Protein backbone atom coordinates (compact mmCIF):
# COMPACT_ATOMS: atom_id res chain seq x y z
CA MET A 1 127.82 167.52 56.50
CA THR A 2 125.27 170.28 57.85
CA PRO A 3 123.53 169.82 61.28
CA ASN A 4 120.28 168.58 59.70
CA VAL A 5 121.77 166.06 57.40
CA MET A 6 123.81 164.64 60.68
CA GLN A 7 120.34 164.66 62.57
CA LYS A 8 118.83 162.65 59.79
CA THR A 9 121.32 160.03 59.76
CA GLY A 10 121.25 159.53 63.47
CA LEU A 11 117.42 159.03 63.55
CA ALA A 12 118.39 156.22 60.63
CA VAL A 13 121.20 155.03 62.73
CA LEU A 14 119.26 154.48 65.68
CA THR A 15 115.75 152.95 63.50
CA ALA A 16 118.23 150.11 61.94
CA ALA A 17 120.15 149.49 65.35
CA ALA A 18 116.35 148.98 67.28
CA LEU A 19 115.19 146.79 63.78
CA PHE A 20 118.50 145.13 63.36
CA GLY A 21 120.22 145.06 66.52
CA ALA A 22 123.46 147.03 66.63
CA ALA A 23 125.92 144.42 65.53
CA GLN A 24 124.09 144.80 62.08
CA VAL A 25 124.44 148.37 61.64
CA VAL A 26 126.97 149.37 59.72
CA LEU A 27 127.78 153.69 59.35
CA LEU A 28 127.96 155.05 55.79
CA PRO A 29 129.56 157.75 54.71
CA SER A 30 126.58 160.05 53.98
CA HIS A 31 126.21 163.63 51.95
CA ALA A 32 123.83 166.16 51.92
CA GLY A 33 121.54 164.63 49.39
CA ALA A 34 121.59 160.85 50.59
CA GLN A 35 118.38 159.58 51.23
CA THR A 36 117.82 157.55 54.44
CA PRO A 37 117.25 153.71 54.03
CA VAL A 38 113.71 152.86 55.21
CA ALA A 39 113.84 149.45 56.98
CA PRO A 40 111.55 146.71 55.76
CA PRO A 41 108.32 146.06 57.87
CA LEU A 42 108.62 143.09 60.42
CA SER A 43 105.94 140.23 60.11
CA VAL A 44 105.17 137.76 63.12
CA ALA A 45 103.93 134.21 62.29
CA PRO A 46 100.99 133.59 64.16
CA VAL A 47 101.57 130.76 67.01
CA SER A 48 99.21 127.90 66.83
CA ALA A 49 98.07 126.68 70.30
CA VAL A 50 98.58 123.40 71.02
CA ARG A 51 95.68 121.79 72.69
CA THR A 52 96.47 117.98 74.62
CA LEU A 53 94.35 116.07 77.24
CA SER A 54 95.60 114.13 79.84
CA ALA A 55 94.63 110.92 82.15
CA THR A 56 95.96 109.34 84.86
CA GLY A 57 95.40 105.82 85.64
CA ILE A 58 96.47 103.76 88.62
CA GLY A 59 97.54 100.06 88.83
CA GLN A 60 98.07 98.32 91.75
CA ILE A 61 100.10 95.31 93.32
CA PRO A 62 98.04 93.03 95.85
CA GLY A 63 98.39 93.27 99.58
CA ASP A 64 100.99 90.95 100.98
CA ALA A 65 101.45 90.49 104.57
CA ALA A 66 105.05 89.00 103.64
CA GLN A 67 106.43 91.72 102.54
CA VAL A 68 106.67 92.68 106.32
CA ALA A 69 109.90 91.60 108.51
CA GLY A 70 108.98 89.75 111.52
CA GLY A 71 107.06 90.54 114.58
CA ALA A 72 106.76 90.40 118.38
CA LEU A 73 104.28 89.54 121.22
CA MET A 74 104.20 91.14 124.65
CA LEU A 75 101.78 89.09 126.97
CA THR A 76 100.99 89.92 130.13
CA VAL A 77 100.36 87.38 132.90
CA GLU A 78 98.41 88.97 135.86
CA GLU A 79 97.20 87.21 139.37
CA ARG A 80 95.40 88.87 142.59
CA SER A 81 95.28 87.42 145.87
CA LYS A 82 93.28 88.16 148.75
CA GLY A 83 94.81 88.86 152.28
CA SER A 84 98.49 88.15 153.00
CA ASP A 85 98.68 85.35 151.03
CA VAL A 86 100.95 86.59 147.69
CA GLN A 87 102.67 83.51 147.82
CA THR A 88 99.71 81.56 146.18
CA ALA A 89 99.48 84.70 143.40
CA VAL A 90 103.41 84.05 142.64
CA LYS A 91 103.21 80.86 142.47
CA THR A 92 99.87 80.75 139.81
CA VAL A 93 101.47 83.44 137.67
CA GLN A 94 104.94 80.86 137.61
CA ASP A 95 102.87 78.14 136.31
CA ARG A 96 100.92 80.41 133.86
CA ILE A 97 104.13 81.10 132.44
CA ALA A 98 105.55 77.70 132.61
CA LYS A 99 102.61 76.70 130.45
CA LEU A 100 102.67 79.30 128.08
CA THR A 101 106.25 78.71 127.23
CA ALA A 102 105.65 75.26 126.75
CA SER A 103 102.48 76.09 124.10
CA LEU A 104 104.47 78.43 122.23
CA LYS A 105 107.39 75.74 121.90
CA ALA A 106 104.81 73.46 120.92
CA ALA A 107 103.72 75.58 118.56
CA GLY A 108 107.18 76.18 116.63
CA VAL A 109 108.57 78.95 118.29
CA PRO A 110 112.07 78.55 119.67
CA GLU A 111 112.87 78.53 124.01
CA SER A 112 115.37 81.50 122.72
CA ALA A 113 113.02 83.79 121.39
CA ILE A 114 110.55 83.86 124.48
CA HIS A 115 111.96 85.94 127.31
CA VAL A 116 110.55 87.24 130.65
CA GLN A 117 110.44 91.27 130.39
CA GLY A 118 109.50 91.86 134.17
CA PHE A 119 107.99 90.02 136.87
CA ASN A 120 106.45 93.07 139.41
CA ILE A 121 104.23 92.21 143.00
CA GLY A 122 102.27 95.16 144.78
CA PRO A 123 100.11 95.56 147.44
CA ASN A 124 96.27 95.97 146.75
CA TYR A 125 94.39 98.47 149.26
CA GLY A 126 90.68 98.91 149.40
CA TYR A 127 88.72 101.78 150.66
CA ALA A 128 90.18 104.19 152.97
CA VAL A 129 88.96 103.49 157.00
CA PRO A 130 87.22 106.28 158.43
CA MET A 131 88.80 109.66 159.88
CA PRO A 132 89.00 109.78 163.48
CA ALA A 133 86.58 111.76 165.40
CA ILE A 134 87.94 115.25 166.92
CA ASP A 135 87.21 116.17 170.49
CA PRO A 136 86.06 119.71 170.46
CA ALA A 137 88.20 120.35 173.79
CA ALA A 138 91.21 119.47 171.65
CA ILE A 139 90.37 122.46 170.22
CA ALA A 140 92.92 125.19 171.27
CA PRO A 141 93.24 129.14 170.72
CA MET A 142 95.98 130.85 168.96
CA GLU A 143 98.52 132.02 170.99
CA GLY A 144 97.90 135.43 172.51
CA GLY A 145 93.74 135.17 172.32
CA SER A 146 91.40 134.27 174.45
CA GLY A 147 88.92 133.03 172.32
CA ALA A 148 85.83 134.80 173.12
CA SER A 149 85.13 138.49 172.14
CA ALA A 150 84.03 141.41 174.64
CA PRO A 151 80.29 142.49 174.33
CA ALA A 152 79.63 145.90 171.80
CA GLY A 153 79.15 148.80 173.71
CA GLY A 154 80.77 147.26 176.96
CA THR A 155 82.92 148.97 179.85
CA GLY A 156 85.23 151.95 178.66
CA GLY A 157 83.15 152.40 175.16
CA GLY A 158 86.15 150.89 173.35
CA LEU A 159 86.58 148.22 170.82
CA THR A 160 85.36 145.04 170.95
CA THR A 161 88.41 142.43 170.81
CA PRO A 162 87.94 139.83 167.92
CA ALA A 163 87.68 135.96 168.82
CA THR A 164 91.00 134.11 168.10
CA PRO A 165 90.52 131.39 165.15
CA ALA A 166 90.93 128.29 167.06
CA ILE A 167 93.75 125.75 165.55
CA MET A 168 92.74 122.62 164.25
CA PRO A 169 94.57 119.69 165.56
CA VAL A 170 96.77 117.54 162.94
CA ARG A 171 95.21 114.31 162.48
CA PRO A 172 97.50 112.23 160.63
CA ILE A 173 96.13 110.06 157.67
CA PRO A 174 95.90 106.31 158.58
CA VAL A 175 97.43 104.30 156.00
CA PRO A 176 94.85 101.08 155.33
CA PRO A 177 96.34 97.41 155.71
CA PRO A 178 96.62 95.92 152.07
CA VAL A 179 93.52 93.82 151.13
CA GLY A 180 95.62 91.67 148.77
CA TYR A 181 98.18 91.60 146.16
CA SER A 182 98.53 91.93 142.65
CA VAL A 183 101.01 89.81 140.99
CA ASN A 184 102.02 90.32 137.16
CA ALA A 185 104.62 89.10 134.46
CA GLN A 186 105.55 90.25 130.73
CA LEU A 187 106.53 88.44 128.52
CA MET A 188 108.05 89.00 124.87
CA VAL A 189 108.41 86.59 122.21
CA ASP A 190 109.92 87.01 119.02
CA THR A 191 108.61 85.98 115.49
CA THR A 192 109.71 85.20 112.22
CA GLY A 193 107.15 85.85 110.49
CA PRO A 194 103.35 86.64 110.45
CA GLU A 195 102.48 83.05 110.25
CA GLN A 196 104.35 82.80 113.30
CA LEU A 197 103.35 85.59 114.68
CA ALA A 198 99.53 84.75 114.43
CA THR A 199 99.52 81.51 115.72
CA ALA A 200 101.29 82.69 118.78
CA MET A 201 98.94 85.12 119.44
CA ARG A 202 96.28 82.16 119.71
CA VAL A 203 98.27 80.28 121.73
CA ALA A 204 98.76 83.22 124.37
CA ILE A 205 95.16 83.85 124.48
CA ASP A 206 94.21 80.22 124.74
CA GLY A 207 96.66 79.85 127.26
CA GLY A 208 95.19 82.74 129.34
CA ALA A 209 97.43 85.89 128.87
CA THR A 210 95.63 88.55 130.59
CA ASN A 211 96.77 90.88 128.02
CA VAL A 212 98.15 90.55 124.28
CA ASN A 213 99.88 93.21 122.26
CA SER A 214 101.70 92.59 118.83
CA PHE A 215 103.71 94.72 117.18
CA ILE A 216 105.97 94.70 114.12
CA LYS A 217 109.94 94.70 113.89
CA GLY A 218 111.07 97.01 110.87
CA GLY A 219 107.99 97.86 109.53
CA PRO A 220 105.17 98.93 108.52
CA GLY A 221 106.99 102.27 107.99
CA ASN A 222 109.89 100.14 105.65
CA PRO A 223 107.59 97.63 103.88
CA THR A 224 109.52 95.82 101.03
CA PRO A 225 109.38 97.19 97.75
CA PRO A 226 107.50 95.23 94.94
CA ALA A 227 109.50 92.75 92.71
CA SER A 228 109.71 93.87 89.31
CA GLU A 229 107.76 92.06 87.54
CA LYS A 230 104.73 93.06 89.73
CA LEU A 231 106.04 96.51 89.27
CA ALA A 232 105.66 96.24 85.61
CA SER A 233 102.32 94.70 85.29
CA ALA A 234 101.14 97.25 87.25
CA ILE A 235 102.39 100.02 85.27
CA GLN A 236 100.86 98.53 82.54
CA GLN A 237 97.45 98.46 84.26
CA ALA A 238 98.15 101.84 84.80
CA THR A 239 98.74 102.98 81.34
CA GLU A 240 95.84 100.89 79.82
CA GLN A 241 93.16 102.62 82.40
CA ALA A 242 94.84 106.32 81.56
CA LYS A 243 93.88 105.54 77.91
CA VAL A 244 90.45 103.94 78.63
CA MET A 245 89.65 107.35 80.54
CA ALA A 246 91.08 109.74 77.73
CA GLU A 247 89.39 108.42 75.15
CA ALA A 248 86.34 108.46 77.22
CA SER A 249 86.74 111.81 78.22
CA ALA A 250 87.24 112.82 74.51
CA LYS A 251 84.02 111.63 73.53
CA ALA A 252 82.52 113.10 76.09
CA ALA A 253 84.24 116.52 74.90
CA GLY A 254 83.65 116.31 71.16
CA VAL A 255 87.08 115.53 70.41
CA THR A 256 89.48 113.44 68.70
CA LEU A 257 92.66 112.10 70.52
CA GLY A 258 96.20 112.36 68.45
CA GLU A 259 99.60 111.24 68.92
CA ILE A 260 101.14 110.70 72.74
CA ARG A 261 102.93 113.78 73.68
CA SER A 262 104.45 112.30 77.22
CA VAL A 263 103.84 109.49 79.55
CA THR A 264 104.88 110.15 83.13
CA VAL A 265 105.23 106.97 85.70
CA HIS A 266 104.89 108.13 89.10
CA GLN A 267 106.98 106.57 92.02
CA PRO A 268 105.31 103.69 93.45
CA THR A 269 103.58 104.38 97.03
CA PRO A 270 102.53 101.64 100.08
CA SER A 271 99.48 101.87 101.37
CA PHE A 272 98.54 99.79 104.69
CA GLY A 273 95.28 97.89 104.98
CA GLY A 274 94.04 95.63 107.24
CA GLY A 275 95.15 91.64 106.44
CA PRO A 276 94.67 88.66 107.87
CA GLY A 277 95.39 88.03 111.59
CA PRO A 278 97.83 90.71 113.25
CA ILE A 279 99.79 91.53 110.50
CA PRO A 280 98.74 94.41 108.31
CA SER A 281 98.65 94.10 104.17
CA VAL A 282 100.94 96.05 102.44
CA THR A 283 99.47 97.42 98.54
CA TRP A 284 101.73 99.36 96.31
CA GLN A 285 99.60 101.89 94.06
CA VAL A 286 101.51 103.26 90.51
CA GLN A 287 100.33 106.28 88.97
CA VAL A 288 100.52 106.77 85.32
CA THR A 289 99.94 110.29 83.59
CA VAL A 290 99.53 110.06 79.74
CA ALA A 291 99.08 113.35 77.72
CA TYR A 292 97.55 113.26 74.08
CA ASP A 293 97.60 115.99 71.48
CA LEU A 294 94.16 116.84 69.75
CA LYS A 295 93.52 116.63 66.36
């Protein structure tokens, strides 16, 4: 085999390897008169673009305050007295606590759910008394100074002696006597549900509580998931809404919907809003995305 023939053979092998893959290339014996095989042209079929239209619908599960666990009330009862009579304020706060406890028990709250969290007594101070006047004779110069300076250009033509700063006397700040006392108590009331919490709040306000705060135990950060039948209804609602939106969009765009390509149901998510009484309502939302082929 001449070098020219070997060069042509190598070129044919490389061409075949590039077109058909190295695994399909077979090196055949060649001779000087052999013709180099020519690979048939490759044809690639055009890929038709798939057109789709997607729409997302939302289904809602109405708010239900009962999904939230029990709550609690923090009540504050406060009384202020005048002068040194602190016993009267203490007695008033104790009477109010007893009255509130009786009213809460009558409203259905068990006595074991009512706890006194704190009882505080503190003095109240009025305006500060005037500071005592300072006697000018009490102001003494600092040690080592005369408190006066020599006139400029005095004898000796020397330097003037600067005045020594005076030391202000230390004045103790007088502590004013208390003008009265404040007595306050904190009461914690545990409730089993939203209805009892709302009732206890009304009783506390009517019973003379100075401050009333409510909070939810275990929520609203951890609401109870919706029941299966409610969730299924919300998914159906969201799917139907997605279909209506897709049909309206296709009509507006001048296209025709074909078969459904895919349906995606997203994870239900809760949202919190104002509900009746102190308990926030929990509304669940479900999103469903439907993709259609276009004809």
